[in-house]
Amino acid sequence: MTPHTQPPAFGMSPTPAAPFAARGLGVVVRAGLLVSAAGAILASLAPVGDLAEGPSRLGFGSAVQEPSILVTVLALIGLALLVVAAAMPWSWAHYSGIAIAATLASFYLFFVIVARTDDELFEGAASVTLKGGSILLILAALVTMAGVVVALVGNQHGAQPDPADFADAAGKTSGKAIAALVLGVVSSFSGLPTAPLAVAFATRAGLDIKASGNRLGGRRMA
């Protein structure tokens, strides 16, 4: 009996049907994205407490930094996007989820830093205290990045490339290796949170090159 194949998506070659959890980059990557989604839930709760408190710049009393509702809005949007990315059966959706998670973690920490250095607080005051909202955002960032790490591990050990897809790879350079190089350079020189995605593409490029029997180029880029 001939194995059923999935229709090609975005120019990709048809692949044999597989259990849903095995498609895309694998079940561990999905789990990592869902861990990051749990971080988004924590971040959405940040507005229940203040972010920071310290001496006022005016020289008397204290100033309290309250979280913006924007924190909850961004966290809930991120939560929805991460759940959708984890549910999708395509690798591009999982890559997108890794990028979204890394961006969200950066935003959580950004809100904490802004609150800690706000103009209303006395500059350089050692007595500025991070309050409950900031603690939740820091925990959310840690949980989110833990999910990214899980996803990157799953990316390496999950679904493996099919050597048959690289039969005509001689003389070609891995697009994922090029993407990894560009994203790594962007992260290094701009500070944007593209490093996790660069690692993900570099890992998959290495797997593709190995599966091709080194006919596919780009190992040094990766």
Protein backbone atom coordinates (compact mmCIF):
# COMPACT_ATOMS: atom_id res chain seq x y z
CA MET A 1 0.00 0.00 0.00
CA THR A 2 1.45 3.38 -1.03
CA PRO A 3 2.17 5.71 1.93
CA HIS A 4 -0.03 8.77 2.02
CA THR A 5 1.84 12.06 1.49
CA GLN A 6 1.03 15.55 2.62
CA PRO A 7 0.60 18.18 -0.11
CA PRO A 8 3.70 20.38 -0.47
CA ALA A 9 3.57 23.72 1.35
CA PHE A 10 5.53 26.80 0.30
CA GLY A 11 7.46 24.85 -2.34
CA MET A 12 8.57 22.08 0.00
CA SER A 13 8.77 18.50 -1.20
CA PRO A 14 5.96 16.16 -0.15
CA THR A 15 6.73 14.16 2.98
CA PRO A 16 5.16 10.97 4.28
CA ALA A 17 2.26 11.47 6.68
CA ALA A 18 3.26 11.31 10.32
CA PRO A 19 1.60 11.70 13.71
CA PHE A 20 0.66 15.33 14.32
CA ALA A 21 3.17 15.80 17.15
CA ALA A 22 6.04 14.62 14.93
CA ARG A 23 5.46 17.17 12.17
CA GLY A 24 7.21 20.50 12.05
CA LEU A 25 10.21 20.58 14.38
CA GLY A 26 8.92 18.00 16.85
CA VAL A 27 6.96 17.65 20.07
CA VAL A 28 9.75 19.03 22.33
CA VAL A 29 9.75 22.31 20.39
CA ARG A 30 5.99 22.50 20.89
CA ALA A 31 6.46 21.91 24.61
CA GLY A 32 9.03 24.72 24.77
CA LEU A 33 6.64 27.14 23.08
CA LEU A 34 3.92 26.22 25.58
CA VAL A 35 6.33 26.84 28.47
CA SER A 36 6.94 30.30 27.00
CA ALA A 37 3.17 30.73 26.79
CA ALA A 38 3.03 30.08 30.55
CA GLY A 39 5.50 32.95 30.92
CA ALA A 40 3.07 35.18 29.03
CA ILE A 41 0.33 34.27 31.52
CA LEU A 42 2.59 35.39 34.38
CA ALA A 43 3.39 38.65 32.58
CA SER A 44 -0.31 39.38 32.00
CA LEU A 45 -0.78 39.43 35.78
CA ALA A 46 1.90 42.09 36.35
CA PRO A 47 -0.57 45.02 36.54
CA VAL A 48 -1.98 43.62 39.80
CA GLY A 49 1.04 45.17 41.55
CA ASP A 50 3.30 48.20 41.23
CA LEU A 51 6.61 48.01 39.37
CA ALA A 52 8.96 50.12 41.47
CA GLU A 53 9.07 52.55 44.37
CA GLY A 54 11.79 54.95 45.48
CA PRO A 55 12.68 58.52 46.49
CA SER A 56 11.05 61.16 44.36
CA ARG A 57 13.18 63.35 42.11
CA LEU A 58 11.36 66.32 43.63
CA GLY A 59 13.26 65.71 46.85
CA PHE A 60 10.39 64.77 49.13
CA GLY A 61 8.21 61.72 49.52
CA SER A 62 8.41 58.68 47.29
CA ALA A 63 7.38 57.91 43.73
CA VAL A 64 5.62 54.71 42.69
CA GLN A 65 5.78 53.31 39.16
CA GLU A 66 2.58 51.58 38.13
CA PRO A 67 2.46 49.10 35.23
CA SER A 68 0.70 50.03 32.03
CA ILE A 69 -2.21 47.98 30.70
CA LEU A 70 0.01 47.64 27.63
CA VAL A 71 1.92 44.93 29.53
CA THR A 72 -1.21 42.77 29.76
CA VAL A 73 -2.20 43.47 26.16
CA LEU A 74 1.22 42.45 24.79
CA ALA A 75 1.37 39.39 27.05
CA LEU A 76 -2.07 38.15 25.98
CA ILE A 77 -1.29 38.71 22.30
CA GLY A 78 1.98 36.83 22.79
CA LEU A 79 0.15 34.04 24.61
CA ALA A 80 -2.27 33.61 21.71
CA LEU A 81 0.51 33.65 19.11
CA LEU A 82 2.62 31.09 21.02
CA VAL A 83 -0.29 28.69 21.45
CA VAL A 84 -1.13 28.96 17.75
CA ALA A 85 2.54 28.47 16.77
CA ALA A 86 2.78 25.37 18.97
CA ALA A 87 -0.39 23.94 17.43
CA MET A 88 0.69 24.45 13.82
CA PRO A 89 2.21 21.46 11.96
CA TRP A 90 4.81 23.50 10.07
CA SER A 91 8.41 24.29 10.93
CA TRP A 92 8.09 27.95 9.92
CA ALA A 93 5.40 28.37 12.60
CA HIS A 94 7.74 26.89 15.22
CA TYR A 95 10.57 29.19 14.15
CA SER A 96 8.16 32.11 14.43
CA GLY A 97 7.20 30.95 17.93
CA ILE A 98 10.84 30.92 19.03
CA ALA A 99 11.27 34.48 17.72
CA ILE A 100 8.06 35.64 19.43
CA ALA A 101 9.09 34.09 22.76
CA ALA A 102 12.53 35.73 22.70
CA THR A 103 10.95 39.09 21.85
CA LEU A 104 8.41 38.80 24.66
CA ALA A 105 11.12 38.02 27.24
CA SER A 106 12.98 41.15 26.12
CA PHE A 107 9.84 43.26 26.45
CA TYR A 108 9.18 42.00 29.99
CA LEU A 109 12.67 43.01 31.11
CA PHE A 110 12.39 46.30 29.20
CA PHE A 111 9.33 47.28 31.23
CA VAL A 112 11.20 46.54 34.46
CA ILE A 113 14.24 48.59 33.40
CA VAL A 114 12.07 51.54 32.33
CA ALA A 115 10.26 51.49 35.68
CA ARG A 116 13.56 51.26 37.60
CA THR A 117 15.08 54.24 35.75
CA ASP A 118 11.99 56.44 35.36
CA ASP A 119 12.48 60.22 35.54
CA GLU A 120 10.13 60.47 38.52
CA LEU A 121 12.62 58.55 40.65
CA PHE A 122 15.73 60.17 42.08
CA GLU A 123 18.60 59.35 39.71
CA GLY A 124 21.01 56.79 41.12
CA ALA A 125 18.94 56.13 44.23
CA ALA A 126 20.10 52.87 45.75
CA SER A 127 16.87 52.53 47.68
CA VAL A 128 14.61 52.05 44.68
CA THR A 129 12.66 48.85 45.32
CA LEU A 130 11.22 46.53 42.70
CA LYS A 131 7.63 45.73 43.58
CA GLY A 132 5.33 42.79 42.85
CA GLY A 133 4.65 43.72 39.24
CA SER A 134 8.36 43.76 38.40
CA ILE A 135 8.93 40.45 40.19
CA LEU A 136 6.19 38.88 38.07
CA LEU A 137 7.74 40.30 34.89
CA ILE A 138 11.19 39.00 35.82
CA LEU A 139 9.74 35.55 36.55
CA ALA A 140 7.82 35.72 33.26
CA ALA A 141 11.06 36.51 31.39
CA LEU A 142 12.87 33.59 33.06
CA VAL A 143 10.05 31.14 32.30
CA THR A 144 9.79 32.41 28.73
CA MET A 145 13.52 32.01 28.11
CA ALA A 146 13.42 28.54 29.71
CA GLY A 147 10.81 27.68 27.08
CA VAL A 148 13.10 29.03 24.36
CA VAL A 149 15.94 26.82 25.62
CA VAL A 150 13.65 23.76 25.61
CA ALA A 151 12.55 24.62 22.07
CA LEU A 152 16.16 24.98 20.89
CA VAL A 153 17.05 21.59 22.38
CA GLY A 154 14.02 20.07 20.68
CA ASN A 155 15.00 21.78 17.44
CA GLN A 156 18.31 19.88 17.49
CA HIS A 157 17.01 16.48 18.53
CA GLY A 158 13.52 16.56 17.04
CA ALA A 159 12.37 15.83 13.49
CA GLN A 160 15.38 14.98 11.34
CA PRO A 161 15.76 16.02 7.66
CA ASP A 162 15.27 13.44 4.91
CA PRO A 163 18.49 12.79 2.92
CA ALA A 164 16.36 12.33 -0.20
CA ASP A 165 15.47 16.04 -0.09
CA PHE A 166 19.14 16.90 -0.81
CA ALA A 167 19.79 14.67 -3.79
CA ASP A 168 20.56 17.70 -5.97
CA ALA A 169 22.19 19.83 -3.26
CA ALA A 170 25.70 19.79 -4.75
CA GLY A 171 27.01 23.33 -5.24
CA LYS A 172 24.20 24.92 -3.24
CA THR A 173 24.46 26.83 0.03
CA SER A 174 22.03 26.26 2.88
CA GLY A 175 19.51 29.09 3.13
CA LYS A 176 19.19 28.37 6.84
CA ALA A 177 22.93 28.87 7.29
CA ILE A 178 22.70 32.26 5.58
CA ALA A 179 19.72 33.20 7.75
CA ALA A 180 21.64 32.14 10.87
CA LEU A 181 24.59 34.34 9.93
CA VAL A 182 22.42 37.38 9.20
CA LEU A 183 20.37 36.97 12.40
CA GLY A 184 23.53 36.50 14.47
CA VAL A 185 25.07 39.67 13.07
CA VAL A 186 21.84 41.60 13.66
CA SER A 187 21.76 40.41 17.28
CA SER A 188 25.40 41.34 17.86
CA PHE A 189 25.23 44.86 16.44
CA SER A 190 21.66 45.97 17.18
CA GLY A 191 20.79 44.23 20.44
CA LEU A 192 17.59 42.84 18.92
CA PRO A 193 16.55 39.43 20.34
CA THR A 194 17.32 37.48 17.16
CA ALA A 195 20.06 35.27 18.68
CA PRO A 196 17.76 32.34 19.62
CA LEU A 197 16.38 32.23 16.09
CA ALA A 198 19.94 32.37 14.72
CA VAL A 199 20.80 29.34 16.89
CA ALA A 200 17.70 27.51 15.66
CA PHE A 201 18.54 28.08 11.99
CA ALA A 202 22.20 27.24 12.52
CA THR A 203 21.28 23.94 14.17
CA ARG A 204 18.89 22.95 11.40
CA ALA A 205 21.42 24.01 8.76
CA GLY A 206 23.96 21.66 10.33
CA LEU A 207 21.44 18.82 10.29
CA ASP A 208 20.58 19.54 6.65
CA ILE A 209 24.25 19.59 5.65
CA LYS A 210 24.86 16.31 7.46
CA ALA A 211 21.80 14.72 5.82
CA SER A 212 23.03 15.85 2.40
CA GLY A 213 26.33 14.03 2.89
CA ASN A 214 28.08 17.44 2.92
CA ARG A 215 26.93 18.16 -0.61
CA LEU A 216 25.07 21.19 0.74
CA GLY A 217 27.35 24.09 1.65
CA GLY A 218 27.21 26.66 4.43
CA ARG A 219 28.62 24.82 7.46
CA ARG A 220 31.02 27.67 8.35
CA MET A 221 28.22 30.21 8.10
CA ALA A 222 26.11 28.11 10.44
